[in-house]
PDB file of N, CA and C in Angstrom:
ATOM      1  N   UNK A   1     110.625  49.961  95.182  1.00  0.00           N
ATOM      2  CA  UNK A   1     111.012  51.185  95.538  1.00  0.00           C
ATOM      3  C   UNK A   1     109.823  51.677  96.102  1.00  0.00           C
ATOM      4  N   UNK A   2     109.648  52.828  96.854  1.00  0.00           N
ATOM      5  CA  UNK A   2     108.689  53.430  97.396  1.00  0.00           C
ATOM      6  C   UNK A   2     108.084  54.421  96.957  1.00  0.00           C
ATOM      7  N   UNK A   3     106.742  54.683  96.758  1.00  0.00           N
ATOM      8  CA  UNK A   3     106.391  55.950  95.757  1.00  0.00           C
ATOM      9  C   UNK A   3     105.886  57.162  97.015  1.00  0.00           C
ATOM     10  N   UNK A   4     106.452  58.367  96.390  1.00  0.00           N
ATOM     11  CA  UNK A   4     106.284  59.172  97.536  1.00  0.00           C
ATOM     12  C   UNK A   4     104.738  59.998  97.146  1.00  0.00           C
ATOM     13  N   UNK A   5     104.139  60.393  98.260  1.00  0.00           N
ATOM     14  CA  UNK A   5     102.433  61.073  97.928  1.00  0.00           C
ATOM     15  C   UNK A   5     103.178  62.300  97.900  1.00  0.00           C
ATOM     16  N   UNK A   6     102.586  63.211  96.985  1.00  0.00           N
ATOM     17  CA  UNK A   6     102.561  64.558  97.081  1.00  0.00           C
ATOM     18  C   UNK A   6     101.555  65.283  98.230  1.00  0.00           C
ATOM     19  N   UNK A   7     102.163  65.609  99.420  1.00  0.00           N
ATOM     20  CA  UNK A   7     101.221  66.243 100.318  1.00  0.00           C
ATOM     21  C   UNK A   7     101.026  67.867  99.789  1.00  0.00           C
ATOM     22  N   UNK A   8      99.361  68.226  99.439  1.00  0.00           N
ATOM     23  CA  UNK A   8      99.315  69.417  98.780  1.00  0.00           C
ATOM     24  C   UNK A   8      99.120  70.299  99.857  1.00  0.00           C
ATOM     25  N   UNK A   9      99.516  71.307 100.706  1.00  0.00           N
ATOM     26  CA  UNK A   9      99.580  72.229 101.760  1.00  0.00           C
ATOM     27  C   UNK A   9      98.459  73.161 101.075  1.00  0.00           C
ATOM     28  N   UNK A  10      97.567  73.796 102.262  1.00  0.00           N
ATOM     29  CA  UNK A  10      96.496  74.627 102.133  1.00  0.00           C
ATOM     30  C   UNK A  10      96.840  75.652 101.870  1.00  0.00           C
ATOM     31  N   UNK A  11      96.493  76.498 100.697  1.00  0.00           N
ATOM     32  CA  UNK A  11      97.023  78.102 100.950  1.00  0.00           C
ATOM     33  C   UNK A  11      96.050  79.048 101.134  1.00  0.00           C
ATOM     34  N   UNK A  12      96.307  80.340 101.580  1.00  0.00           N
ATOM     35  CA  UNK A  12      95.553  81.448 101.943  1.00  0.00           C
ATOM     36  C   UNK A  12      96.097  82.422 101.460  1.00  0.00           C
ATOM     37  N   UNK A  13      95.124  83.186 100.439  1.00  0.00           N
ATOM     38  CA  UNK A  13      95.226  84.463  99.739  1.00  0.00           C
ATOM     39  C   UNK A  13      94.875  85.055 100.494  1.00  0.00           C
ATOM     40  N   UNK A  14      95.654  86.367 100.934  1.00  0.00           N
ATOM     41  CA  UNK A  14      95.372  87.675 101.535  1.00  0.00           C
ATOM     42  C   UNK A  14      95.885  88.953 100.865  1.00  0.00           C
ATOM     43  N   UNK A  15      94.863  89.735 101.110  1.00  0.00           N
ATOM     44  CA  UNK A  15      95.099  91.178 100.282  1.00  0.00           C
ATOM     45  C   UNK A  15      95.011  92.393 101.547  1.00  0.00           C
ATOM     46  N   UNK A  16      95.836  93.256 101.107  1.00  0.00           N
ATOM     47  CA  UNK A  16      96.270  94.135 102.196  1.00  0.00           C
ATOM     48  C   UNK A  16      95.643  95.701 101.233  1.00  0.00           C
ATOM     49  N   UNK A  17      94.688  95.706 101.716  1.00  0.00           N
ATOM     50  CA  UNK A  17      93.643  96.900 101.121  1.00  0.00           C
ATOM     51  C   UNK A  17      93.351  98.194 102.090  1.00  0.00           C
ATOM     52  N   UNK A  18      93.895  98.363 103.233  1.00  0.00           N
ATOM     53  CA  UNK A  18      93.852  99.403 103.826  1.00  0.00           C
ATOM     54  C   UNK A  18      94.854 100.041 104.757  1.00  0.00           C
ATOM     55  N   UNK A  19      95.110 101.553 104.769  1.00  0.00           N
ATOM     56  CA  UNK A  19      96.762 101.285 105.220  1.00  0.00           C
ATOM     57  C   UNK A  19      96.640 101.356 106.787  1.00  0.00           C
ATOM     58  N   UNK A  20      97.966 100.993 107.451  1.00  0.00           N
ATOM     59  CA  UNK A  20      98.176 100.758 108.321  1.00  0.00           C
ATOM     60  C   UNK A  20      98.749 102.182 109.213  1.00  0.00           C
ATOM     61  N   UNK A  21      98.369 103.493 108.669  1.00  0.00           N
ATOM     62  CA  UNK A  21      99.376 104.633 108.977  1.00  0.00           C
ATOM     63  C   UNK A  21      99.100 104.627 110.823  1.00  0.00           C
ATOM     64  N   UNK A  22      97.826 104.866 110.691  1.00  0.00           N
ATOM     65  CA  UNK A  22      97.464 105.475 112.438  1.00  0.00           C
ATOM     66  C   UNK A  22      97.172 104.192 113.175  1.00  0.00           C
ATOM     67  N   UNK A  23      97.543 103.102 112.711  1.00  0.00           N
ATOM     68  CA  UNK A  23      97.050 102.190 113.535  1.00  0.00           C
ATOM     69  C   UNK A  23      98.280 101.915 114.870  1.00  0.00           C
ATOM     70  N   UNK A  24      97.946 101.016 115.870  1.00  0.00           N
ATOM     71  CA  UNK A  24      98.922 100.871 116.817  1.00  0.00           C
ATOM     72  C   UNK A  24      99.954 100.029 116.219  1.00  0.00           C
ATOM     73  N   UNK A  25     101.379 100.611 116.945  1.00  0.00           N
ATOM     74  CA  UNK A  25     102.798  99.522 116.565  1.00  0.00           C
ATOM     75  C   UNK A  25     102.698  98.164 115.857  1.00  0.00           C
ATOM     76  N   UNK A  26     101.886  97.341 116.907  1.00  0.00           N
ATOM     77  CA  UNK A  26     101.771  96.119 117.028  1.00  0.00           C
ATOM     78  C   UNK A  26     100.994  95.892 115.195  1.00  0.00           C
ATOM     79  N   UNK A  27      99.814  96.317 114.988  1.00  0.00           N
ATOM     80  CA  UNK A  27      99.001  96.120 113.891  1.00  0.00           C
ATOM     81  C   UNK A  27     100.273  96.123 112.888  1.00  0.00           C
ATOM     82  N   UNK A  28     101.227  97.128 112.985  1.00  0.00           N
ATOM     83  CA  UNK A  28     102.250  97.663 111.773  1.00  0.00           C
ATOM     84  C   UNK A  28     102.778  96.273 111.675  1.00  0.00           C
ATOM     85  N   UNK A  29     103.316  95.732 112.822  1.00  0.00           N
ATOM     86  CA  UNK A  29     104.327  94.716 112.609  1.00  0.00           C
ATOM     87  C   UNK A  29     104.069  93.459 112.342  1.00  0.00           C
ATOM     88  N   UNK A  30     102.262  93.261 112.286  1.00  0.00           N
ATOM     89  CA  UNK A  30     101.598  92.064 111.814  1.00  0.00           C
ATOM     90  C   UNK A  30     101.492  92.397 110.700  1.00  0.00           C
ATOM     91  N   UNK A  31     101.236  93.565 110.233  1.00  0.00           N
ATOM     92  CA  UNK A  31     101.287  93.261 108.425  1.00  0.00           C
ATOM     93  C   UNK A  31     102.788  93.451 108.078  1.00  0.00           C
ATOM     94  N   UNK A  32     103.637  93.726 108.565  1.00  0.00           N
ATOM     95  CA  UNK A  32     105.069  93.282 107.922  1.00  0.00           C
ATOM     96  C   UNK A  32     105.465  92.165 107.765  1.00  0.00           C
ATOM     97  N   UNK A  33     105.110  91.222 109.094  1.00  0.00           N
ATOM     98  CA  UNK A  33     105.220  89.959 109.382  1.00  0.00           C
ATOM     99  C   UNK A  33     104.351  88.994 108.572  1.00  0.00           C
ATOM    100  N   UNK A  34     103.163  89.506 107.688  1.00  0.00           N
ATOM    101  CA  UNK A  34     102.783  88.724 106.633  1.00  0.00           C
ATOM    102  C   UNK A  34     103.158  89.210 105.489  1.00  0.00           C
ATOM    103  N   UNK A  35     104.176  89.835 105.109  1.00  0.00           N
ATOM    104  CA  UNK A  35     105.035  89.873 104.402  1.00  0.00           C
ATOM    105  C   UNK A  35     104.599  91.311 103.431  1.00  0.00           C
ATOM    106  N   UNK A  36     103.795  91.955 103.741  1.00  0.00           N
ATOM    107  CA  UNK A  36     103.033  93.102 102.797  1.00  0.00           C
ATOM    108  C   UNK A  36     104.123  94.153 103.079  1.00  0.00           C
ATOM    109  N   UNK A  37     103.934  95.037 101.339  1.00  0.00           N
ATOM    110  CA  UNK A  37     104.981  96.058 101.582  1.00  0.00           C
ATOM    111  C   UNK A  37     104.188  97.087 100.747  1.00  0.00           C
ATOM    112  N   UNK A  38     103.076  96.979 100.108  1.00  0.00           N
ATOM    113  CA  UNK A  38     102.527  97.817  99.612  1.00  0.00           C
ATOM    114  C   UNK A  38     101.102  97.617  99.619  1.00  0.00           C
ATOM    115  N   UNK A  39     100.186  98.763  99.214  1.00  0.00           N
ATOM    116  CA  UNK A  39      98.550  98.501  99.392  1.00  0.00           C
ATOM    117  C   UNK A  39      97.991  97.504  98.265  1.00  0.00           C
ATOM    118  N   UNK A  40      97.118  97.382  98.610  1.00  0.00           N
ATOM    119  CA  UNK A  40      96.647  96.502  97.381  1.00  0.00           C
ATOM    120  C   UNK A  40      97.335  95.062  96.948  1.00  0.00           C
ATOM    121  N   UNK A  41      98.327  94.733  97.824  1.00  0.00           N
ATOM    122  CA  UNK A  41      98.988  93.564  97.608  1.00  0.00           C
ATOM    123  C   UNK A  41      98.455  92.470  98.102  1.00  0.00           C
ATOM    124  N   UNK A  42      98.611  91.594  97.313  1.00  0.00           N
ATOM    125  CA  UNK A  42      98.160  89.932  97.386  1.00  0.00           C
ATOM    126  C   UNK A  42      99.304  89.300  97.486  1.00  0.00           C
ATOM    127  N   UNK A  43      99.023  88.909  98.693  1.00  0.00           N
ATOM    128  CA  UNK A  43     100.312  87.577  98.934  1.00  0.00           C
ATOM    129  C   UNK A  43      99.597  86.172  99.594  1.00  0.00           C
ATOM    130  N   UNK A  44     100.095  85.093  99.288  1.00  0.00           N
ATOM    131  CA  UNK A  44     100.114  83.910  99.589  1.00  0.00           C
ATOM    132  C   UNK A  44     100.367  83.097 100.446  1.00  0.00           C
ATOM    133  N   UNK A  45      99.791  82.610 101.611  1.00  0.00           N
ATOM    134  CA  UNK A  45     100.749  82.043 102.682  1.00  0.00           C
ATOM    135  C   UNK A  45     100.184  80.728 102.877  1.00  0.00           C
ATOM    136  N   UNK A  46     100.339  80.039 103.713  1.00  0.00           N
ATOM    137  CA  UNK A  46     100.424  78.416 104.250  1.00  0.00           C
ATOM    138  C   UNK A  46      99.285  78.625 105.243  1.00  0.00           C
ATOM    139  N   UNK A  47      98.246  78.176 105.052  1.00  0.00           N
ATOM    140  CA  UNK A  47      97.052  78.232 106.054  1.00  0.00           C
ATOM    141  C   UNK A  47      97.151  76.985 107.176  1.00  0.00           C
ATOM    142  N   UNK A  48      97.618  78.290 107.884  1.00  0.00           N
ATOM    143  CA  UNK A  48      97.692  77.602 109.471  1.00  0.00           C
ATOM    144  C   UNK A  48      97.225  78.303 110.636  1.00  0.00           C
ATOM    145  N   UNK A  49      97.384  77.867 111.788  1.00  0.00           N
ATOM    146  CA  UNK A  49      96.635  78.893 112.858  1.00  0.00           C
ATOM    147  C   UNK A  49      97.740  80.061 112.847  1.00  0.00           C
ATOM    148  N   UNK A  50      98.728  79.945 113.044  1.00  0.00           N
ATOM    149  CA  UNK A  50      99.432  80.928 113.253  1.00  0.00           C
ATOM    150  C   UNK A  50      99.172  82.188 112.244  1.00  0.00           C
ATOM    151  N   UNK A  51      99.025  82.043 110.908  1.00  0.00           N
ATOM    152  CA  UNK A  51      98.963  82.884 109.976  1.00  0.00           C
ATOM    153  C   UNK A  51      97.330  83.753 110.024  1.00  0.00           C
ATOM    154  N   UNK A  52      96.151  82.317 110.482  1.00  0.00           N
ATOM    155  CA  UNK A  52      94.888  82.931 110.645  1.00  0.00           C
ATOM    156  C   UNK A  52      94.848  83.786 111.730  1.00  0.00           C
ATOM    157  N   UNK A  53      95.825  83.282 113.083  1.00  0.00           N
ATOM    158  CA  UNK A  53      96.020  84.636 113.979  1.00  0.00           C
ATOM    159  C   UNK A  53      96.117  85.670 113.873  1.00  0.00           C
ATOM    160  N   UNK A  54      97.271  86.042 112.718  1.00  0.00           N
ATOM    161  CA  UNK A  54      97.573  87.198 112.771  1.00  0.00           C
ATOM    162  C   UNK A  54      96.222  87.811 111.414  1.00  0.00           C
ATOM    163  N   UNK A  55      96.176  87.043 110.981  1.00  0.00           N
ATOM    164  CA  UNK A  55      94.944  87.707 109.971  1.00  0.00           C
ATOM    165  C   UNK A  55      93.637  87.967 111.007  1.00  0.00           C
ATOM    166  N   UNK A  56      93.015  87.656 112.069  1.00  0.00           N
ATOM    167  CA  UNK A  56      92.439  87.999 113.047  1.00  0.00           C
ATOM    168  C   UNK A  56      92.517  89.280 113.749  1.00  0.00           C
ATOM    169  N   UNK A  57      94.253  89.454 113.862  1.00  0.00           N
ATOM    170  CA  UNK A  57      94.273  90.520 114.795  1.00  0.00           C
ATOM    171  C   UNK A  57      94.215  91.600 114.057  1.00  0.00           C
ATOM    172  N   UNK A  58      93.928  91.640 112.773  1.00  0.00           N
ATOM    173  CA  UNK A  58      93.989  92.863 111.956  1.00  0.00           C
ATOM    174  C   UNK A  58      93.228  93.175 110.745  1.00  0.00           C
ATOM    175  N   UNK A  59      91.514  92.738 111.240  1.00  0.00           N
ATOM    176  CA  UNK A  59      90.613  92.434 110.034  1.00  0.00           C
ATOM    177  C   UNK A  59      90.111  93.551 109.469  1.00  0.00           C
ATOM    178  N   UNK A  60      90.479  94.580 110.032  1.00  0.00           N
ATOM    179  CA  UNK A  60      90.167  95.998 109.303  1.00  0.00           C
ATOM    180  C   UNK A  60      91.343  96.674 108.360  1.00  0.00           C
ATOM    181  N   UNK A  61      92.404  95.602 108.027  1.00  0.00           N
ATOM    182  CA  UNK A  61      93.651  96.084 107.535  1.00  0.00           C
ATOM    183  C   UNK A  61      93.340  95.166 106.213  1.00  0.00           C
ATOM    184  N   UNK A  62      92.862  94.158 106.543  1.00  0.00           N
ATOM    185  CA  UNK A  62      93.195  92.832 105.774  1.00  0.00           C
ATOM    186  C   UNK A  62      91.796  92.286 105.134  1.00  0.00           C
ATOM    187  N   UNK A  63      92.020  91.568 103.947  1.00  0.00           N
ATOM    188  CA  UNK A  63      90.954  90.777 103.490  1.00  0.00           C
ATOM    189  C   UNK A  63      91.372  89.372 102.864  1.00  0.00           C
ATOM    190  N   UNK A  64      90.447  88.502 102.814  1.00  0.00           N
ATOM    191  CA  UNK A  64      90.895  87.203 102.382  1.00  0.00           C
ATOM    192  C   UNK A  64      90.133  86.925 101.204  1.00  0.00           C
ATOM    193  N   UNK A  65      90.987  86.745 100.479  1.00  0.00           N
ATOM    194  CA  UNK A  65      90.731  86.578  98.440  1.00  0.00           C
ATOM    195  C   UNK A  65      90.420  85.262  98.299  1.00  0.00           C
ATOM    196  N   UNK A  66      89.074  85.040  97.865  1.00  0.00           N
ATOM    197  CA  UNK A  66      88.992  83.516  97.059  1.00  0.00           C
ATOM    198  C   UNK A  66      89.282  83.404  95.772  1.00  0.00           C
ATOM    199  N   UNK A  67      89.933  82.421  95.670  1.00  0.00           N
ATOM    200  CA  UNK A  67      91.006  81.439  94.808  1.00  0.00           C
ATOM    201  C   UNK A  67      90.483  81.460  93.718  1.00  0.00           C
TER     202      UNK A  67
END
């Protein structure tokens, strides 16, 4: 029987720390797309190019938290 190797996907922890009230609509949609619902919330997402691009679009609103 073949053994399965568990592939561990890299995760990134992101914190939403500044309000998006006076930001453009596109920035608000990126915040929503990352899954944030309230300030100071920390979410864990798969570390891939699309998530990194979303974080890069709004660096003034979110920060990457060390594990």
